[in-house]
N, C-alpha and C. Protein backbone atom coordinates (compact mmCIF):
# COMPACT_ATOMS: atom_id res chain seq x y z
N MET A 1 0.82 -1.20 0.00
CA MET A 1 0.00 0.00 0.00
C MET A 1 0.86 1.26 0.00
N SER A 2 1.95 1.24 0.75
CA SER A 2 2.81 2.43 0.78
C SER A 2 3.49 2.65 -0.57
N ALA A 3 3.77 1.58 -1.32
CA ALA A 3 4.35 1.74 -2.65
C ALA A 3 3.35 2.42 -3.58
N PHE A 4 2.08 2.04 -3.46
CA PHE A 4 1.05 2.67 -4.28
C PHE A 4 0.91 4.15 -3.94
N LEU A 5 0.90 4.47 -2.65
CA LEU A 5 0.78 5.87 -2.23
C LEU A 5 1.97 6.69 -2.70
N GLY A 6 3.15 6.10 -2.66
CA GLY A 6 4.34 6.79 -3.15
C GLY A 6 4.26 7.05 -4.64
N ALA A 7 3.82 6.04 -5.40
CA ALA A 7 3.68 6.20 -6.85
C ALA A 7 2.59 7.21 -7.18
N PHE A 8 1.50 7.16 -6.41
CA PHE A 8 0.40 8.11 -6.60
C PHE A 8 0.89 9.53 -6.34
N SER A 9 1.60 9.72 -5.24
CA SER A 9 2.10 11.05 -4.88
C SER A 9 3.07 11.58 -5.92
N LEU A 10 3.96 10.72 -6.39
CA LEU A 10 4.93 11.12 -7.41
C LEU A 10 4.22 11.57 -8.68
N THR A 11 3.27 10.77 -9.13
CA THR A 11 2.55 11.08 -10.37
C THR A 11 1.71 12.34 -10.22
N PHE A 12 1.05 12.48 -9.08
CA PHE A 12 0.25 13.68 -8.82
C PHE A 12 1.15 14.92 -8.82
N GLY A 13 2.28 14.83 -8.14
CA GLY A 13 3.21 15.96 -8.09
C GLY A 13 3.76 16.32 -9.45
N LEU A 14 4.10 15.30 -10.24
CA LEU A 14 4.57 15.59 -11.60
C LEU A 14 3.47 16.22 -12.44
N GLY A 15 2.24 15.73 -12.30
CA GLY A 15 1.13 16.34 -13.02
C GLY A 15 0.91 17.78 -12.62
N PHE A 16 1.11 18.06 -11.35
CA PHE A 16 0.94 19.41 -10.81
C PHE A 16 2.00 20.36 -11.35
N PHE A 17 3.27 19.92 -11.38
CA PHE A 17 4.37 20.81 -11.73
C PHE A 17 4.97 20.58 -13.12
N TYR A 18 5.01 19.32 -13.59
CA TYR A 18 5.70 19.01 -14.84
C TYR A 18 4.95 17.89 -15.54
N PHE A 19 3.88 18.25 -16.25
CA PHE A 19 2.97 17.26 -16.79
C PHE A 19 3.63 16.28 -17.76
N VAL A 20 4.59 16.73 -18.53
CA VAL A 20 5.21 15.89 -19.55
C VAL A 20 5.78 14.61 -18.95
N GLY A 21 6.32 14.68 -17.75
CA GLY A 21 6.92 13.50 -17.14
C GLY A 21 5.99 12.71 -16.25
N ALA A 22 4.74 13.14 -16.13
CA ALA A 22 3.84 12.53 -15.14
C ALA A 22 3.43 11.11 -15.50
N VAL A 23 2.96 10.87 -16.70
CA VAL A 23 2.49 9.53 -17.06
C VAL A 23 3.66 8.54 -17.10
N PRO A 24 4.76 8.86 -17.78
CA PRO A 24 5.88 7.91 -17.75
C PRO A 24 6.43 7.71 -16.34
N GLY A 25 6.48 8.79 -15.56
CA GLY A 25 6.98 8.67 -14.19
C GLY A 25 6.08 7.81 -13.33
N GLY A 26 4.77 7.94 -13.50
CA GLY A 26 3.84 7.12 -12.75
C GLY A 26 3.94 5.65 -13.10
N VAL A 27 4.10 5.36 -14.38
CA VAL A 27 4.25 3.96 -14.81
C VAL A 27 5.58 3.41 -14.30
N ALA A 28 6.61 4.20 -14.37
CA ALA A 28 7.91 3.75 -13.86
C ALA A 28 7.87 3.52 -12.36
N ALA A 29 7.01 4.25 -11.65
CA ALA A 29 6.87 4.09 -10.21
C ALA A 29 5.98 2.91 -9.83
N GLY A 30 5.31 2.30 -10.82
CA GLY A 30 4.54 1.10 -10.55
C GLY A 30 3.05 1.18 -10.79
N LEU A 31 2.55 2.33 -11.24
CA LEU A 31 1.12 2.44 -11.54
C LEU A 31 0.83 1.89 -12.94
N SER A 32 -0.39 1.45 -13.16
CA SER A 32 -0.78 1.06 -14.52
C SER A 32 -0.86 2.33 -15.37
N VAL A 33 -0.84 2.15 -16.66
CA VAL A 33 -0.89 3.30 -17.56
C VAL A 33 -2.18 4.09 -17.34
N MET A 34 -3.29 3.39 -17.18
CA MET A 34 -4.57 4.07 -16.99
C MET A 34 -4.60 4.87 -15.68
N VAL A 35 -4.14 4.27 -14.61
CA VAL A 35 -4.13 4.97 -13.31
C VAL A 35 -3.15 6.13 -13.35
N ALA A 36 -1.99 5.93 -13.94
CA ALA A 36 -0.99 7.01 -14.04
C ALA A 36 -1.54 8.18 -14.84
N THR A 37 -2.27 7.89 -15.91
CA THR A 37 -2.86 8.95 -16.73
C THR A 37 -3.91 9.72 -15.96
N LEU A 38 -4.76 9.00 -15.25
CA LEU A 38 -5.81 9.65 -14.46
C LEU A 38 -5.22 10.52 -13.34
N VAL A 39 -4.21 10.00 -12.65
CA VAL A 39 -3.59 10.75 -11.55
C VAL A 39 -2.83 11.96 -12.10
N ALA A 40 -2.17 11.81 -13.25
CA ALA A 40 -1.46 12.94 -13.86
C ALA A 40 -2.45 14.04 -14.24
N TRP A 41 -3.60 13.66 -14.81
CA TRP A 41 -4.63 14.63 -15.15
C TRP A 41 -5.13 15.33 -13.89
N LEU A 42 -5.36 14.55 -12.85
CA LEU A 42 -5.85 15.12 -11.59
C LEU A 42 -4.85 16.12 -11.02
N GLY A 43 -3.58 15.78 -11.03
CA GLY A 43 -2.54 16.70 -10.54
C GLY A 43 -2.52 17.99 -11.34
N TYR A 44 -2.64 17.87 -12.66
CA TYR A 44 -2.64 19.04 -13.53
C TYR A 44 -3.83 19.94 -13.23
N VAL A 45 -5.00 19.34 -13.10
CA VAL A 45 -6.22 20.10 -12.85
C VAL A 45 -6.17 20.77 -11.47
N VAL A 46 -5.64 20.08 -10.48
CA VAL A 46 -5.51 20.69 -9.16
C VAL A 46 -4.52 21.86 -9.22
N GLY A 47 -3.48 21.73 -10.01
CA GLY A 47 -2.54 22.84 -10.20
C GLY A 47 -3.23 24.07 -10.75
N ALA A 48 -4.14 23.87 -11.68
CA ALA A 48 -4.91 25.00 -12.22
C ALA A 48 -5.86 25.56 -11.16
N ALA A 49 -6.52 24.67 -10.43
CA ALA A 49 -7.48 25.12 -9.41
C ALA A 49 -6.81 25.92 -8.30
N VAL A 50 -5.63 25.51 -7.90
CA VAL A 50 -4.91 26.23 -6.84
C VAL A 50 -4.61 27.65 -7.30
N MET A 51 -4.21 27.80 -8.54
CA MET A 51 -3.90 29.15 -9.03
C MET A 51 -5.15 30.00 -9.15
N LEU A 52 -6.27 29.37 -9.44
CA LEU A 52 -7.51 30.14 -9.50
C LEU A 52 -7.92 30.64 -8.12
N LEU A 53 -7.57 29.88 -7.09
CA LEU A 53 -7.90 30.30 -5.72
C LEU A 53 -7.05 31.48 -5.26
N VAL A 54 -5.80 31.53 -5.72
CA VAL A 54 -4.91 32.63 -5.30
C VAL A 54 -4.83 33.71 -6.37
N SER A 55 -5.73 33.67 -7.32
CA SER A 55 -5.61 34.52 -8.50
C SER A 55 -5.68 36.02 -8.28
N PRO A 56 -6.50 36.56 -7.39
CA PRO A 56 -6.58 38.03 -7.37
C PRO A 56 -5.25 38.74 -7.15
N SER A 57 -4.49 38.34 -6.16
CA SER A 57 -3.21 39.00 -5.94
C SER A 57 -2.19 38.60 -6.99
N ALA A 58 -2.21 37.35 -7.39
CA ALA A 58 -1.26 36.88 -8.39
C ALA A 58 -1.54 37.51 -9.76
N ARG A 59 -2.80 37.75 -10.07
CA ARG A 59 -3.16 38.35 -11.35
C ARG A 59 -2.54 39.73 -11.50
N GLU A 60 -2.63 40.52 -10.45
CA GLU A 60 -2.03 41.86 -10.49
C GLU A 60 -0.52 41.79 -10.61
N TRP A 61 0.10 40.85 -9.91
CA TRP A 61 1.55 40.70 -9.96
C TRP A 61 2.01 40.35 -11.36
N ILE A 62 1.32 39.36 -12.00
CA ILE A 62 1.75 38.93 -13.34
C ILE A 62 1.49 40.04 -14.36
N SER A 63 0.43 40.80 -14.18
CA SER A 63 0.16 41.91 -15.10
C SER A 63 1.28 42.94 -15.04
N ARG A 64 1.72 43.25 -13.81
CA ARG A 64 2.82 44.22 -13.66
C ARG A 64 4.13 43.62 -14.18
N LYS A 65 4.39 42.37 -13.85
CA LYS A 65 5.66 41.73 -14.23
C LYS A 65 5.80 41.65 -15.76
N LEU A 66 4.72 41.26 -16.44
CA LEU A 66 4.77 41.12 -17.90
C LEU A 66 4.42 42.41 -18.63
N LYS A 67 4.08 43.44 -17.85
CA LYS A 67 3.70 44.74 -18.43
C LYS A 67 2.59 44.58 -19.46
N LEU A 68 1.55 43.83 -19.07
CA LEU A 68 0.41 43.63 -19.96
C LEU A 68 -0.43 44.89 -19.99
N PRO A 69 -0.71 45.40 -21.18
CA PRO A 69 -1.54 46.59 -21.27
C PRO A 69 -3.00 46.25 -20.95
N ARG A 70 -3.71 47.21 -20.41
CA ARG A 70 -5.12 47.02 -20.06
C ARG A 70 -6.01 46.96 -21.31
N GLU A 71 -5.64 47.69 -22.36
CA GLU A 71 -6.43 47.72 -23.58
C GLU A 71 -5.80 46.82 -24.63
N ARG A 72 -6.65 46.18 -25.40
CA ARG A 72 -6.17 45.36 -26.52
C ARG A 72 -5.66 46.28 -27.63
N ASP A 73 -4.53 45.90 -28.22
CA ASP A 73 -4.00 46.61 -29.37
C ASP A 73 -3.87 45.60 -30.50
N PRO A 74 -4.82 45.54 -31.41
CA PRO A 74 -4.82 44.51 -32.45
C PRO A 74 -3.64 44.60 -33.42
N ARG A 75 -2.86 45.67 -33.32
CA ARG A 75 -1.69 45.79 -34.18
C ARG A 75 -0.49 45.03 -33.63
N LYS A 76 -0.50 44.73 -32.34
CA LYS A 76 0.64 44.05 -31.72
C LYS A 76 0.52 42.54 -31.90
N MET A 77 1.69 41.89 -32.08
CA MET A 77 1.72 40.46 -32.37
C MET A 77 1.08 39.63 -31.25
N PHE A 78 1.32 40.00 -30.00
CA PHE A 78 0.75 39.25 -28.88
C PHE A 78 -0.77 39.20 -28.98
N TRP A 79 -1.38 40.36 -29.23
CA TRP A 79 -2.84 40.41 -29.30
C TRP A 79 -3.38 39.72 -30.54
N LYS A 80 -2.62 39.76 -31.63
CA LYS A 80 -3.03 39.02 -32.82
C LYS A 80 -3.08 37.53 -32.51
N ALA A 81 -2.04 37.02 -31.85
CA ALA A 81 -2.01 35.60 -31.49
C ALA A 81 -3.13 35.25 -30.50
N TRP A 82 -3.34 36.11 -29.50
CA TRP A 82 -4.39 35.84 -28.51
C TRP A 82 -5.77 35.86 -29.17
N ASP A 83 -5.99 36.82 -30.07
CA ASP A 83 -7.28 36.90 -30.75
C ASP A 83 -7.51 35.69 -31.66
N ARG A 84 -6.44 35.16 -32.22
CA ARG A 84 -6.58 34.03 -33.13
C ARG A 84 -6.73 32.70 -32.40
N PHE A 85 -5.89 32.46 -31.39
CA PHE A 85 -5.88 31.15 -30.72
C PHE A 85 -6.52 31.19 -29.34
N GLY A 86 -6.36 32.27 -28.63
CA GLY A 86 -7.01 32.52 -27.36
C GLY A 86 -6.87 31.44 -26.31
N LEU A 87 -7.92 31.30 -25.56
CA LEU A 87 -7.94 30.39 -24.42
C LEU A 87 -7.86 28.93 -24.86
N THR A 88 -8.46 28.61 -25.98
CA THR A 88 -8.41 27.24 -26.49
C THR A 88 -6.97 26.86 -26.82
N GLY A 89 -6.27 27.72 -27.50
CA GLY A 89 -4.88 27.45 -27.84
C GLY A 89 -4.01 27.33 -26.61
N MET A 90 -4.26 28.20 -25.64
CA MET A 90 -3.49 28.12 -24.40
C MET A 90 -3.78 26.82 -23.68
N GLY A 91 -5.05 26.42 -23.64
CA GLY A 91 -5.42 25.17 -22.97
C GLY A 91 -4.75 23.96 -23.59
N LEU A 92 -4.58 23.99 -24.91
CA LEU A 92 -3.94 22.86 -25.59
C LEU A 92 -2.41 22.89 -25.49
N LEU A 93 -1.83 24.06 -25.40
CA LEU A 93 -0.37 24.15 -25.37
C LEU A 93 0.23 24.20 -23.97
N ALA A 94 -0.53 24.63 -23.00
CA ALA A 94 -0.01 24.79 -21.64
C ALA A 94 0.58 23.52 -21.05
N PRO A 95 -0.01 22.32 -21.27
CA PRO A 95 0.56 21.13 -20.64
C PRO A 95 2.00 20.84 -21.05
N VAL A 96 2.38 21.21 -22.25
CA VAL A 96 3.73 20.91 -22.72
C VAL A 96 4.61 22.15 -22.83
N THR A 97 4.09 23.29 -22.36
CA THR A 97 4.90 24.50 -22.40
C THR A 97 5.01 25.14 -21.02
N ILE A 98 4.05 25.98 -20.66
CA ILE A 98 4.19 26.77 -19.44
C ILE A 98 3.52 26.18 -18.21
N GLY A 99 2.71 25.15 -18.37
CA GLY A 99 2.05 24.52 -17.24
C GLY A 99 0.79 25.22 -16.80
N PRO A 100 0.03 24.58 -15.92
CA PRO A 100 -1.28 25.13 -15.55
C PRO A 100 -1.20 26.40 -14.71
N GLN A 101 -0.19 26.51 -13.87
CA GLN A 101 -0.11 27.68 -13.00
C GLN A 101 0.13 28.95 -13.80
N ALA A 102 1.13 28.92 -14.64
CA ALA A 102 1.43 30.10 -15.45
C ALA A 102 0.31 30.40 -16.45
N ALA A 103 -0.29 29.36 -17.02
CA ALA A 103 -1.38 29.57 -17.96
C ALA A 103 -2.57 30.23 -17.27
N CYS A 104 -2.88 29.78 -16.06
CA CYS A 104 -3.97 30.40 -15.30
C CYS A 104 -3.69 31.88 -15.07
N LEU A 105 -2.52 32.17 -14.58
CA LEU A 105 -2.19 33.56 -14.28
C LEU A 105 -2.25 34.43 -15.53
N LEU A 106 -1.70 33.93 -16.61
CA LEU A 106 -1.69 34.71 -17.84
C LEU A 106 -3.10 34.94 -18.37
N ALA A 107 -3.91 33.88 -18.40
CA ALA A 107 -5.28 34.03 -18.91
C ALA A 107 -6.10 34.96 -18.02
N LEU A 108 -5.94 34.84 -16.72
CA LEU A 108 -6.67 35.73 -15.81
C LEU A 108 -6.20 37.17 -15.95
N ALA A 109 -4.91 37.37 -16.14
CA ALA A 109 -4.38 38.72 -16.33
C ALA A 109 -4.90 39.34 -17.62
N LEU A 110 -5.25 38.48 -18.58
CA LEU A 110 -5.79 38.98 -19.85
C LEU A 110 -7.30 39.19 -19.79
N GLY A 111 -7.88 38.92 -18.61
CA GLY A 111 -9.29 39.21 -18.42
C GLY A 111 -10.25 38.05 -18.63
N GLU A 112 -9.74 36.84 -18.76
CA GLU A 112 -10.62 35.69 -18.93
C GLU A 112 -11.31 35.35 -17.61
N LYS A 113 -12.49 34.77 -17.69
CA LYS A 113 -13.23 34.36 -16.50
C LYS A 113 -12.63 33.08 -15.93
N PRO A 114 -12.53 32.98 -14.60
CA PRO A 114 -11.92 31.80 -13.98
C PRO A 114 -12.52 30.46 -14.40
N ILE A 115 -13.82 30.37 -14.53
CA ILE A 115 -14.44 29.09 -14.90
C ILE A 115 -14.07 28.69 -16.32
N ARG A 116 -13.95 29.69 -17.20
CA ARG A 116 -13.52 29.40 -18.58
C ARG A 116 -12.07 28.95 -18.62
N VAL A 117 -11.24 29.57 -17.80
CA VAL A 117 -9.82 29.19 -17.74
C VAL A 117 -9.71 27.75 -17.23
N PHE A 118 -10.42 27.44 -16.17
CA PHE A 118 -10.38 26.10 -15.60
C PHE A 118 -10.85 25.06 -16.63
N ALA A 119 -11.95 25.34 -17.30
CA ALA A 119 -12.48 24.40 -18.30
C ALA A 119 -11.50 24.21 -19.45
N ALA A 120 -10.90 25.29 -19.93
CA ALA A 120 -9.96 25.19 -21.04
C ALA A 120 -8.74 24.36 -20.65
N LEU A 121 -8.24 24.55 -19.44
CA LEU A 121 -7.07 23.79 -19.02
C LEU A 121 -7.40 22.33 -18.74
N ALA A 122 -8.54 22.09 -18.08
CA ALA A 122 -8.93 20.72 -17.76
C ALA A 122 -9.22 19.90 -19.02
N LEU A 123 -9.80 20.54 -20.02
CA LEU A 123 -10.11 19.83 -21.27
C LEU A 123 -8.92 19.82 -22.23
N GLY A 124 -8.13 20.87 -22.22
CA GLY A 124 -6.99 20.96 -23.14
C GLY A 124 -5.90 19.96 -22.85
N VAL A 125 -5.82 19.47 -21.63
CA VAL A 125 -4.80 18.50 -21.28
C VAL A 125 -5.20 17.07 -21.67
N LEU A 126 -6.48 16.84 -21.92
CA LEU A 126 -6.94 15.49 -22.23
C LEU A 126 -6.29 14.86 -23.46
N PRO A 127 -6.15 15.59 -24.58
CA PRO A 127 -5.45 14.96 -25.72
C PRO A 127 -4.01 14.56 -25.36
N TRP A 128 -3.35 15.36 -24.55
CA TRP A 128 -2.00 15.02 -24.12
C TRP A 128 -2.00 13.80 -23.22
N CYS A 129 -3.01 13.69 -22.35
CA CYS A 129 -3.13 12.51 -21.50
C CYS A 129 -3.22 11.25 -22.35
N PHE A 130 -4.13 11.28 -23.31
CA PHE A 130 -4.30 10.11 -24.17
C PHE A 130 -3.05 9.84 -25.00
N GLY A 131 -2.44 10.89 -25.51
CA GLY A 131 -1.22 10.71 -26.30
C GLY A 131 -0.07 10.12 -25.50
N PHE A 132 0.17 10.65 -24.31
CA PHE A 132 1.24 10.10 -23.48
C PHE A 132 0.91 8.68 -23.04
N ALA A 133 -0.35 8.40 -22.76
CA ALA A 133 -0.74 7.05 -22.37
C ALA A 133 -0.47 6.07 -23.50
N LEU A 134 -0.80 6.46 -24.73
CA LEU A 134 -0.54 5.58 -25.88
C LEU A 134 0.95 5.36 -26.09
N VAL A 135 1.71 6.43 -26.00
CA VAL A 135 3.16 6.31 -26.20
C VAL A 135 3.77 5.39 -25.14
N VAL A 136 3.38 5.56 -23.89
CA VAL A 136 3.91 4.72 -22.82
C VAL A 136 3.46 3.28 -23.01
N GLU A 137 2.20 3.07 -23.34
CA GLU A 137 1.68 1.71 -23.53
C GLU A 137 2.40 1.02 -24.67
N PHE A 138 2.56 1.69 -25.81
CA PHE A 138 3.27 1.10 -26.93
C PHE A 138 4.74 0.88 -26.61
N GLY A 139 5.31 1.78 -25.84
CA GLY A 139 6.70 1.59 -25.41
C GLY A 139 6.86 0.37 -24.53
N LEU A 140 5.91 0.16 -23.64
CA LEU A 140 5.95 -1.04 -22.80
C LEU A 140 5.77 -2.30 -23.62
N MET A 141 4.89 -2.24 -24.61
CA MET A 141 4.69 -3.41 -25.50
C MET A 141 5.97 -3.69 -26.30
N ALA A 142 6.65 -2.65 -26.73
CA ALA A 142 7.85 -2.81 -27.54
C ALA A 142 8.99 -3.45 -26.77
N VAL A 143 9.08 -3.14 -25.49
CA VAL A 143 10.17 -3.73 -24.68
C VAL A 143 9.74 -5.02 -24.01
N GLY A 144 8.47 -5.40 -24.17
CA GLY A 144 8.00 -6.68 -23.64
C GLY A 144 7.63 -6.68 -22.19
N SER A 145 7.33 -5.50 -21.62
CA SER A 145 6.90 -5.44 -20.23
C SER A 145 5.41 -5.71 -20.14
N ASP A 146 4.97 -6.03 -18.94
CA ASP A 146 3.54 -6.28 -18.72
C ASP A 146 2.82 -5.01 -18.52
């Protein structure tokens, strides 16, 4: 039981901080591919939820740090990219780039509603979950592991 809890904690922590290594790390720690994928997703989603809870003060800090303007300027490249890909694009790219915490802060600083940010991140990570699960499963089949 303690081995399972250790593997669960490792996978959850990796999902929270470094999603790319969560599924392979969980399987290497002894979880099945399905359980490792579910726990990695849970860790990622909790990482987003935690940032949404601390968002008011953090939102102001990130706005000042990144010098985000209050008004949209459609002539600037950043706003062109945000207008084109927006929250959906961030939700799909955050798991393999900046992670849920930074994505939450950035989206909130840009004026997105917290529930929309949470939904985009929770759903945007699912294709990555399935992809990493398939890669790990096929890798295990290739080396002949159970």
